[in-house]
Amino acid sequence: MRIGFVGAGRMGRPMVERLVRAGHDVRAVGRSTEARAALAETGAHPVESVTAAARAADALVVCVFTDDQVREVCLDGPLLRELPPDAVLIVHTTGSPATVADIAAAAPAGIGVVDAPVSGGPHSIAAGDLTVFLGGAEDAVVRARAVVRAYADPILHVGPLGAGQRVKLVNNALFAAQIGLVADAIRLGGQLEVDEATLLAALPHASSSGRAVIGVAAKGAVEAFRAAVGEFLRKDVAVARALVTELGGELGILDAAIDAGVPADRR
C-alpha cells in the first residue's frame, strides 16, 4: 500500500519503520532537512508537506500530539482534498471524539475516517504489540487494519466513529487513577517504615500488581514515572474531564485518585 504519514516523532517514527519493513511505500512528512534525513534512514520517502504525503495515498496516518494539531493538519489545510476518494484517514492522536466527527463531516465522499488511539509506547510499536482502539464504519476499519497491523496487536474495533477515543479516554483516566493509588500505597509504606525501593521490588510480584505498579517499579520511583508519562496523561485527562462535563456525567472516585496520580500542571 502507499501510505502517507504525518507526525513521525517519538511514536510515529517506529510506526514508519514497521510499515516500511512490512513492505509498504511510506511517504512521511519531515519539516526540516535533519528530519527528512532521519526518515530516509528508515526506508521511507521523506516529503516536505502534508499535501505530498496525501497525494495518491491508499491510507494516511496522523500521529501528532494534540487535538489542535489534528485539526490543523486535517481541517485547516488541503489534506482532505488531496486524498484519493477511496483512501482511509487514520487518526492515532488521543483527543475529543468531536474532532474525528468534524473531519468525517468535512471529508469528500468515499474517504473513510477512523479514530485509532493507542495504548503502549515506542517499545510496544517496535515489538509489534501496540494496542489500538478503532472507531469507525466496518469498511473503513477493514482498510485501517491493513495498515496498523504492521505494528499493532491487538487491534480492537470498539464501535462507530469516536468510540476509539471514548475507550482510550476511559483507559487513561483509570491509568492515571491507578498511579494515584500507587503513590498513596508508597506513602502508606513510609508510615509503616517500609521504603519505596523495597515496596517497588515486591509489589510487581503480588496480587496488587498491574501496569501502573510495574511501570513505576521500572522507573524506580513514583516521581520518576510521573515525569515520564505526566505530559501525555495530563493532556488526555483534561479531554476526558471536559467530555464528561459536556455530557453531564462524573468521574466519581476516579477524580481524586487522578489528582493524586497525575496532578494538573499549575505552571
C-alpha atoms as a PDB file:
ATOM      1  CA  MET A   1       0.000   0.000   0.000  1.00  0.00           C
ATOM      2  CA  ARG A   2       1.018   3.612  -0.473  1.00  0.00           C
ATOM      3  CA  ILE A   3       0.810   5.256   2.948  1.00  0.00           C
ATOM      4  CA  GLY A   4       1.179   8.913   3.879  1.00  0.00           C
ATOM      5  CA  PHE A   5       2.376   9.643   7.402  1.00  0.00           C
ATOM      6  CA  VAL A   6       2.152  12.864   9.414  1.00  0.00           C
ATOM      7  CA  GLY A   7       3.810  13.008  12.828  1.00  0.00           C
ATOM      8  CA  ALA A   8       6.896  10.795  12.642  1.00  0.00           C
ATOM      9  CA  GLY A   9       8.112  11.635  16.141  1.00  0.00           C
ATOM     10  CA  ARG A  10       8.562   9.604  19.315  1.00  0.00           C
ATOM     11  CA  MET A  11       5.629   7.300  18.498  1.00  0.00           C
ATOM     12  CA  GLY A  12       5.381   7.876  14.774  1.00  0.00           C
ATOM     13  CA  ARG A  13       8.917   7.051  13.715  1.00  0.00           C
ATOM     14  CA  PRO A  14       8.854   3.421  14.936  1.00  0.00           C
ATOM     15  CA  MET A  15       5.457   3.070  13.202  1.00  0.00           C
ATOM     16  CA  VAL A  16       7.051   4.274   9.965  1.00  0.00           C
ATOM     17  CA  GLU A  17       9.891   1.776  10.421  1.00  0.00           C
ATOM     18  CA  ARG A  18       7.454  -1.120  10.906  1.00  0.00           C
ATOM     19  CA  LEU A  19       5.348  -0.033   7.926  1.00  0.00           C
ATOM     20  CA  VAL A  20       8.416   0.028   5.686  1.00  0.00           C
ATOM     21  CA  ARG A  21       9.525  -3.381   6.946  1.00  0.00           C
ATOM     22  CA  ALA A  22       6.037  -4.716   6.160  1.00  0.00           C
ATOM     23  CA  GLY A  23       6.566  -3.732   2.524  1.00  0.00           C
ATOM     24  CA  HIS A  24       4.505  -0.541   2.369  1.00  0.00           C
ATOM     25  CA  ASP A  25       5.518   2.511   0.329  1.00  0.00           C
ATOM     26  CA  VAL A  26       5.600   5.211   3.026  1.00  0.00           C
ATOM     27  CA  ARG A  27       5.735   8.934   2.368  1.00  0.00           C
ATOM     28  CA  ALA A  28       6.391  10.632   5.689  1.00  0.00           C
ATOM     29  CA  VAL A  29       6.396  14.362   6.345  1.00  0.00           C
ATOM     30  CA  GLY A  30       9.672  15.858   7.577  1.00  0.00           C
ATOM     31  CA  ARG A  31       9.647  19.593   8.260  1.00  0.00           C
ATOM     32  CA  SER A  32      13.434  20.039   8.369  1.00  0.00           C
ATOM     33  CA  THR A  33      16.417  18.736   6.422  1.00  0.00           C
ATOM     34  CA  GLU A  34      17.503  16.775   9.502  1.00  0.00           C
ATOM     35  CA  ALA A  35      14.046  15.217   9.948  1.00  0.00           C
ATOM     36  CA  ARG A  36      13.886  14.183   6.304  1.00  0.00           C
ATOM     37  CA  ALA A  37      17.355  12.650   6.509  1.00  0.00           C
ATOM     38  CA  ALA A  38      16.305  10.632   9.570  1.00  0.00           C
ATOM     39  CA  LEU A  39      13.179   9.419   7.778  1.00  0.00           C
ATOM     40  CA  ALA A  40      15.206   8.380   4.752  1.00  0.00           C
ATOM     41  CA  GLU A  41      17.259   6.143   7.049  1.00  0.00           C
ATOM     42  CA  THR A  42      14.085   4.169   7.872  1.00  0.00           C
ATOM     43  CA  GLY A  43      13.491   3.401   4.212  1.00  0.00           C
ATOM     44  CA  ALA A  44      10.558   5.805   3.960  1.00  0.00           C
ATOM     45  CA  HIS A  45      10.311   8.523   1.314  1.00  0.00           C
ATOM     46  CA  PRO A  46      10.574  11.867   3.123  1.00  0.00           C
ATOM     47  CA  VAL A  47       8.331  14.660   1.841  1.00  0.00           C
ATOM     48  CA  GLU A  48       8.075  18.288   2.863  1.00  0.00           C
ATOM     49  CA  SER A  49       4.302  18.731   3.079  1.00  0.00           C
ATOM     50  CA  VAL A  50       1.065  17.071   4.107  1.00  0.00           C
ATOM     51  CA  THR A  51      -0.127  17.572   0.535  1.00  0.00           C
ATOM     52  CA  ALA A  52       2.740  15.473  -0.810  1.00  0.00           C
ATOM     53  CA  ALA A  53       2.046  12.739   1.751  1.00  0.00           C
ATOM     54  CA  ALA A  54      -1.668  12.631   0.923  1.00  0.00           C
ATOM     55  CA  ARG A  55      -1.432  12.649  -2.861  1.00  0.00           C
ATOM     56  CA  ALA A  56      -2.288   9.203  -4.321  1.00  0.00           C
ATOM     57  CA  ALA A  57      -2.194   7.593  -0.845  1.00  0.00           C
ATOM     58  CA  ASP A  58      -4.252   4.499  -0.052  1.00  0.00           C
ATOM     59  CA  ALA A  59      -4.090   5.496   3.612  1.00  0.00           C
ATOM     60  CA  LEU A  60      -2.875   8.479   5.581  1.00  0.00           C
ATOM     61  CA  VAL A  61      -1.829   8.157   9.224  1.00  0.00           C
ATOM     62  CA  VAL A  62      -1.913  11.150  11.580  1.00  0.00           C
ATOM     63  CA  CYS A  63       0.156  10.726  14.759  1.00  0.00           C
ATOM     64  CA  VAL A  64       0.594  14.249  16.135  1.00  0.00           C
ATOM     65  CA  PHE A  65       0.371  15.226  19.819  1.00  0.00           C
ATOM     66  CA  THR A  66      -2.754  17.338  20.341  1.00  0.00           C
ATOM     67  CA  ASP A  67      -6.302  17.759  19.085  1.00  0.00           C
ATOM     68  CA  ASP A  68      -5.439  21.248  17.826  1.00  0.00           C
ATOM     69  CA  GLN A  69      -2.644  19.777  15.723  1.00  0.00           C
ATOM     70  CA  VAL A  70      -5.022  17.167  14.281  1.00  0.00           C
ATOM     71  CA  ARG A  71      -7.434  19.940  13.300  1.00  0.00           C
ATOM     72  CA  GLU A  72      -4.636  21.961  11.770  1.00  0.00           C
ATOM     73  CA  VAL A  73      -3.446  19.018   9.688  1.00  0.00           C
ATOM     74  CA  CYS A  74      -6.840  17.662   8.651  1.00  0.00           C
ATOM     75  CA  LEU A  75      -9.175  20.665   8.554  1.00  0.00           C
ATOM     76  CA  ASP A  76      -7.103  23.829   8.104  1.00  0.00           C
ATOM     77  CA  GLY A  77      -5.234  22.696   5.012  1.00  0.00           C
ATOM     78  CA  PRO A  78      -5.763  20.798   1.756  1.00  0.00           C
ATOM     79  CA  LEU A  79      -5.295  17.264   3.098  1.00  0.00           C
ATOM     80  CA  LEU A  80      -8.882  16.073   2.611  1.00  0.00           C
ATOM     81  CA  ARG A  81      -8.982  17.494  -0.914  1.00  0.00           C
ATOM     82  CA  GLU A  82      -5.719  15.764  -1.837  1.00  0.00           C
ATOM     83  CA  LEU A  83      -6.639  12.275  -0.628  1.00  0.00           C
ATOM     84  CA  PRO A  84      -7.992   9.902  -3.287  1.00  0.00           C
ATOM     85  CA  PRO A  85     -11.723   9.136  -2.928  1.00  0.00           C
ATOM     86  CA  ASP A  86     -11.127   5.561  -1.694  1.00  0.00           C
ATOM     87  CA  ALA A  87      -8.441   6.395   0.890  1.00  0.00           C
ATOM     88  CA  VAL A  88      -8.706   5.901   4.648  1.00  0.00           C
ATOM     89  CA  LEU A  89      -7.579   8.516   7.174  1.00  0.00           C
ATOM     90  CA  ILE A  90      -6.308   7.009  10.443  1.00  0.00           C
ATOM     91  CA  VAL A  91      -6.058   9.339  13.454  1.00  0.00           C
ATOM     92  CA  HIS A  92      -3.837   7.917  16.221  1.00  0.00           C
ATOM     93  CA  THR A  93      -3.826  11.092  18.331  1.00  0.00           C
ATOM     94  CA  THR A  94      -5.873  10.839  21.535  1.00  0.00           C
ATOM     95  CA  GLY A  95      -8.402  13.657  21.718  1.00  0.00           C
ATOM     96  CA  SER A  96     -12.045  14.640  21.590  1.00  0.00           C
ATOM     97  CA  PRO A  97     -14.477  12.414  19.665  1.00  0.00           C
ATOM     98  CA  ALA A  98     -15.846  15.646  18.195  1.00  0.00           C
ATOM     99  CA  THR A  99     -12.618  16.172  16.262  1.00  0.00           C
ATOM    100  CA  VAL A 100     -12.872  12.986  14.200  1.00  0.00           C
ATOM    101  CA  ALA A 101     -16.595  13.649  13.719  1.00  0.00           C
ATOM    102  CA  ASP A 102     -15.783  17.070  12.263  1.00  0.00           C
ATOM    103  CA  ILE A 103     -13.136  15.543   9.996  1.00  0.00           C
ATOM    104  CA  ALA A 104     -15.571  12.897   8.735  1.00  0.00           C
ATOM    105  CA  ALA A 105     -18.192  15.567   8.081  1.00  0.00           C
ATOM    106  CA  ALA A 106     -15.702  17.575   6.023  1.00  0.00           C
ATOM    107  CA  ALA A 107     -14.275  14.606   4.104  1.00  0.00           C
ATOM    108  CA  PRO A 108     -15.348  14.074   0.488  1.00  0.00           C
ATOM    109  CA  ALA A 109     -17.498  11.023  -0.250  1.00  0.00           C
ATOM    110  CA  GLY A 110     -15.580   7.748  -0.268  1.00  0.00           C
ATOM    111  CA  ILE A 111     -12.854   8.736   2.179  1.00  0.00           C
ATOM    112  CA  GLY A 112     -13.011   6.613   5.314  1.00  0.00           C
ATOM    113  CA  VAL A 113     -12.160   8.188   8.665  1.00  0.00           C
ATOM    114  CA  VAL A 114     -11.105   6.063  11.639  1.00  0.00           C
ATOM    115  CA  ASP A 115     -10.115   7.162  15.118  1.00  0.00           C
ATOM    116  CA  ALA A 116      -7.351   4.859  16.295  1.00  0.00           C
ATOM    117  CA  PRO A 117      -5.898   5.963  19.654  1.00  0.00           C
ATOM    118  CA  VAL A 118      -3.220   3.675  21.029  1.00  0.00           C
ATOM    119  CA  SER A 119      -2.142   2.172  24.337  1.00  0.00           C
ATOM    120  CA  GLY A 120       1.559   1.486  24.706  1.00  0.00           C
ATOM    121  CA  GLY A 121       4.822   3.190  23.864  1.00  0.00           C
ATOM    122  CA  PRO A 122       7.629   3.088  21.317  1.00  0.00           C
ATOM    123  CA  HIS A 123       8.776  -0.253  22.745  1.00  0.00           C
ATOM    124  CA  SER A 124       5.312  -1.709  22.014  1.00  0.00           C
ATOM    125  CA  ILE A 125       5.438  -0.445  18.434  1.00  0.00           C
ATOM    126  CA  ALA A 126       8.916  -1.902  17.920  1.00  0.00           C
ATOM    127  CA  ALA A 127       7.682  -5.277  19.178  1.00  0.00           C
ATOM    128  CA  GLY A 128       4.507  -5.124  17.069  1.00  0.00           C
ATOM    129  CA  ASP A 129       2.233  -5.423  20.103  1.00  0.00           C
ATOM    130  CA  LEU A 130       0.780  -1.931  20.402  1.00  0.00           C
ATOM    131  CA  THR A 131      -2.898  -1.901  21.403  1.00  0.00           C
ATOM    132  CA  VAL A 132      -5.146   0.117  19.065  1.00  0.00           C
ATOM    133  CA  PHE A 133      -8.790   1.047  19.681  1.00  0.00           C
ATOM    134  CA  LEU A 134     -10.542   1.557  16.331  1.00  0.00           C
ATOM    135  CA  GLY A 135     -13.709   3.606  15.952  1.00  0.00           C
ATOM    136  CA  GLY A 136     -15.423   3.786  12.584  1.00  0.00           C
ATOM    137  CA  ALA A 137     -17.573   2.116   9.960  1.00  0.00           C
ATOM    138  CA  GLU A 138     -16.731  -1.505   9.198  1.00  0.00           C
ATOM    139  CA  ASP A 139     -15.402  -0.866   5.689  1.00  0.00           C
ATOM    140  CA  ALA A 140     -13.090   1.907   6.905  1.00  0.00           C
ATOM    141  CA  VAL A 141     -11.923  -0.228   9.827  1.00  0.00           C
ATOM    142  CA  VAL A 142     -11.044  -3.097   7.464  1.00  0.00           C
ATOM    143  CA  ARG A 143      -8.868  -0.709   5.435  1.00  0.00           C
ATOM    144  CA  ALA A 144      -7.281   0.692   8.606  1.00  0.00           C
ATOM    145  CA  ARG A 145      -6.453  -2.789   9.914  1.00  0.00           C
ATOM    146  CA  ALA A 146      -4.388  -3.465   6.793  1.00  0.00           C
ATOM    147  CA  VAL A 147      -2.161  -0.567   7.863  1.00  0.00           C
ATOM    148  CA  VAL A 148      -1.938  -0.738  11.648  1.00  0.00           C
ATOM    149  CA  ARG A 149      -1.367  -4.497  11.784  1.00  0.00           C
ATOM    150  CA  ALA A 150       2.235  -3.703  10.818  1.00  0.00           C
ATOM    151  CA  TYR A 151       2.825  -2.509  14.380  1.00  0.00           C
ATOM    152  CA  ALA A 152      -0.286  -3.335  16.439  1.00  0.00           C
ATOM    153  CA  ASP A 153      -1.748  -6.413  18.119  1.00  0.00           C
ATOM    154  CA  PRO A 154      -4.414  -6.452  19.445  1.00  0.00           C
ATOM    155  CA  ILE A 155      -6.436  -4.231  17.118  1.00  0.00           C
ATOM    156  CA  LEU A 156      -9.851  -3.739  18.703  1.00  0.00           C
ATOM    157  CA  HIS A 157     -12.871  -2.400  16.810  1.00  0.00           C
ATOM    158  CA  VAL A 158     -14.786  -0.840  19.689  1.00  0.00           C
ATOM    159  CA  GLY A 159     -17.672   0.853  17.878  1.00  0.00           C
ATOM    160  CA  PRO A 160     -18.604   3.662  15.495  1.00  0.00           C
ATOM    161  CA  LEU A 161     -16.511   6.733  14.770  1.00  0.00           C
ATOM    162  CA  GLY A 162     -15.425   8.358  18.055  1.00  0.00           C
ATOM    163  CA  ALA A 163     -15.715   5.155  20.092  1.00  0.00           C
ATOM    164  CA  GLY A 164     -11.968   4.599  19.954  1.00  0.00           C
ATOM    165  CA  GLN A 165     -11.399   7.979  21.597  1.00  0.00           C
ATOM    166  CA  ARG A 166     -14.000   7.292  24.287  1.00  0.00           C
ATOM    167  CA  VAL A 167     -12.446   3.938  25.199  1.00  0.00           C
ATOM    168  CA  LYS A 168      -8.948   5.463  25.262  1.00  0.00           C
ATOM    169  CA  LEU A 169     -10.089   8.340  27.496  1.00  0.00           C
ATOM    170  CA  VAL A 170     -11.599   5.871  29.968  1.00  0.00           C
ATOM    171  CA  ASN A 171      -8.385   3.851  29.846  1.00  0.00           C
ATOM    172  CA  ASN A 172      -6.193   6.844  30.588  1.00  0.00           C
ATOM    173  CA  ALA A 173      -8.454   8.145  33.349  1.00  0.00           C
ATOM    174  CA  LEU A 174      -8.247   4.735  35.006  1.00  0.00           C
ATOM    175  CA  PHE A 175      -4.486   4.504  34.475  1.00  0.00           C
ATOM    176  CA  ALA A 176      -3.926   7.971  35.964  1.00  0.00           C
ATOM    177  CA  ALA A 177      -6.076   6.981  38.940  1.00  0.00           C
ATOM    178  CA  GLN A 178      -4.047   3.794  39.393  1.00  0.00           C
ATOM    179  CA  ILE A 179      -0.859   5.852  39.556  1.00  0.00           C
ATOM    180  CA  GLY A 180      -2.541   7.846  42.328  1.00  0.00           C
ATOM    181  CA  LEU A 181      -3.271   4.637  44.218  1.00  0.00           C
ATOM    182  CA  VAL A 182       0.346   3.515  43.824  1.00  0.00           C
ATOM    183  CA  ALA A 183       1.541   6.886  45.118  1.00  0.00           C
ATOM    184  CA  ASP A 184      -0.680   6.577  48.184  1.00  0.00           C
ATOM    185  CA  ALA A 185       0.441   2.974  48.696  1.00  0.00           C
ATOM    186  CA  ILE A 186       4.051   4.183  48.755  1.00  0.00           C
ATOM    187  CA  ARG A 187       3.051   6.859  51.259  1.00  0.00           C
ATOM    188  CA  LEU A 188       1.374   4.184  53.401  1.00  0.00           C
ATOM    189  CA  GLY A 189       4.533   2.099  53.200  1.00  0.00           C
ATOM    190  CA  GLY A 190       6.513   5.027  54.552  1.00  0.00           C
ATOM    191  CA  GLN A 191       4.157   5.266  57.534  1.00  0.00           C
ATOM    192  CA  LEU A 192       4.729   1.557  58.121  1.00  0.00           C
ATOM    193  CA  GLU A 193       8.511   2.082  57.875  1.00  0.00           C
ATOM    194  CA  VAL A 194       8.873   0.275  54.519  1.00  0.00           C
ATOM    195  CA  ASP A 195      10.869   2.277  51.994  1.00  0.00           C
ATOM    196  CA  GLU A 196       9.803   2.890  48.393  1.00  0.00           C
ATOM    197  CA  ALA A 197      12.535   0.755  46.823  1.00  0.00           C
ATOM    198  CA  THR A 198      11.570  -2.273  48.921  1.00  0.00           C
ATOM    199  CA  LEU A 199       7.895  -1.926  48.004  1.00  0.00           C
ATOM    200  CA  LEU A 200       8.612  -1.471  44.315  1.00  0.00           C
ATOM    201  CA  ALA A 201      10.757  -4.582  44.319  1.00  0.00           C
ATOM    202  CA  ALA A 202       7.985  -6.614  45.941  1.00  0.00           C
ATOM    203  CA  LEU A 203       4.616  -5.360  44.651  1.00  0.00           C
ATOM    204  CA  PRO A 204       5.034  -6.315  40.968  1.00  0.00           C
ATOM    205  CA  HIS A 205       5.100  -9.961  42.109  1.00  0.00           C
ATOM    206  CA  ALA A 206       1.988  -9.729  44.277  1.00  0.00           C
ATOM    207  CA  SER A 207      -1.794  -9.577  43.861  1.00  0.00           C
ATOM    208  CA  SER A 208      -1.695  -5.762  43.840  1.00  0.00           C
ATOM    209  CA  SER A 209       0.386  -5.707  40.668  1.00  0.00           C
ATOM    210  CA  GLY A 210      -0.741  -4.096  37.406  1.00  0.00           C
ATOM    211  CA  ARG A 211       0.524  -1.849  34.620  1.00  0.00           C
ATOM    212  CA  ALA A 212       0.849   1.146  36.949  1.00  0.00           C
ATOM    213  CA  VAL A 213       2.777  -0.788  39.613  1.00  0.00           C
ATOM    214  CA  ILE A 214       5.061  -2.383  37.016  1.00  0.00           C
ATOM    215  CA  GLY A 215       5.632   0.955  35.260  1.00  0.00           C
ATOM    216  CA  VAL A 216       6.508   2.752  38.492  1.00  0.00           C
ATOM    217  CA  ALA A 217       8.782  -0.098  39.566  1.00  0.00           C
ATOM    218  CA  ALA A 218      10.623   0.014  36.237  1.00  0.00           C
ATOM    219  CA  LYS A 219      11.344   3.728  36.768  1.00  0.00           C
ATOM    220  CA  GLY A 220      12.326   3.153  40.393  1.00  0.00           C
ATOM    221  CA  ALA A 221      10.067   5.804  41.935  1.00  0.00           C
ATOM    222  CA  VAL A 222       6.620   7.328  41.626  1.00  0.00           C
ATOM    223  CA  GLU A 223       8.033  10.751  40.785  1.00  0.00           C
ATOM    224  CA  ALA A 224      10.237   9.372  38.010  1.00  0.00           C
ATOM    225  CA  PHE A 225       7.242   7.630  36.442  1.00  0.00           C
ATOM    226  CA  ARG A 226       5.096  10.755  36.712  1.00  0.00           C
ATOM    227  CA  ALA A 227       7.820  12.714  34.948  1.00  0.00           C
ATOM    228  CA  ALA A 228       7.854  10.170  32.121  1.00  0.00           C
ATOM    229  CA  VAL A 229       4.095   9.959  31.492  1.00  0.00           C
ATOM    230  CA  GLY A 230       2.690  13.135  33.022  1.00  0.00           C
ATOM    231  CA  GLU A 231       2.691  15.283  29.879  1.00  0.00           C
ATOM    232  CA  PHE A 232       0.663  12.727  27.941  1.00  0.00           C
ATOM    233  CA  LEU A 233      -1.729  11.785  30.726  1.00  0.00           C
ATOM    234  CA  ARG A 234      -2.462  15.379  31.771  1.00  0.00           C
ATOM    235  CA  LYS A 235      -3.495  16.165  28.206  1.00  0.00           C
ATOM    236  CA  ASP A 236      -5.761  13.123  27.934  1.00  0.00           C
ATOM    237  CA  VAL A 237      -7.278  13.505  31.400  1.00  0.00           C
ATOM    238  CA  ALA A 238      -8.169  17.120  30.578  1.00  0.00           C
ATOM    239  CA  VAL A 239     -10.014  15.916  27.473  1.00  0.00           C
ATOM    240  CA  ALA A 240     -11.800  13.189  29.466  1.00  0.00           C
ATOM    241  CA  ARG A 241     -12.895  15.661  32.130  1.00  0.00           C
ATOM    242  CA  ALA A 242     -14.157  18.117  29.519  1.00  0.00           C
ATOM    243  CA  LEU A 243     -16.126  15.387  27.737  1.00  0.00           C
ATOM    244  CA  VAL A 244     -17.656  14.073  30.968  1.00  0.00           C
ATOM    245  CA  THR A 245     -18.700  17.607  31.938  1.00  0.00           C
ATOM    246  CA  GLU A 246     -20.187  18.208  28.488  1.00  0.00           C
ATOM    247  CA  LEU A 247     -22.245  15.012  28.781  1.00  0.00           C
ATOM    248  CA  GLY A 248     -23.358  15.790  32.338  1.00  0.00           C
ATOM    249  CA  GLY A 249     -21.523  12.825  33.866  1.00  0.00           C
ATOM    250  CA  GLU A 250     -18.926  12.500  36.608  1.00  0.00           C
ATOM    251  CA  LEU A 251     -15.664  10.696  37.232  1.00  0.00           C
ATOM    252  CA  GLY A 252     -16.649   9.652  40.733  1.00  0.00           C
ATOM    253  CA  ILE A 253     -13.890   8.126  42.845  1.00  0.00           C
ATOM    254  CA  LEU A 254     -11.529   8.309  39.846  1.00  0.00           C
ATOM    255  CA  ASP A 255     -11.375  12.091  40.173  1.00  0.00           C
ATOM    256  CA  ALA A 256      -9.477  12.275  43.475  1.00  0.00           C
ATOM    257  CA  ALA A 257      -7.234   9.360  42.536  1.00  0.00           C
ATOM    258  CA  ILE A 258      -6.312  11.065  39.248  1.00  0.00           C
ATOM    259  CA  ASP A 259      -5.300  14.210  41.129  1.00  0.00           C
ATOM    260  CA  ALA A 260      -3.099  12.090  43.388  1.00  0.00           C
ATOM    261  CA  GLY A 261      -1.546  10.280  40.443  1.00  0.00           C
ATOM    262  CA  VAL A 262      -1.105  12.978  37.811  1.00  0.00           C
ATOM    263  CA  PRO A 263      -1.533  16.422  39.365  1.00  0.00           C
ATOM    264  CA  ALA A 264      -2.603  19.144  36.969  1.00  0.00           C
ATOM    265  CA  ASP A 265       0.184  21.311  35.559  1.00  0.00           C
ATOM    266  CA  ARG A 266      -0.140  24.546  37.551  1.00  0.00           C
ATOM    267  CA  ARG A 267       2.538  26.467  35.643  1.00  0.00           C
END
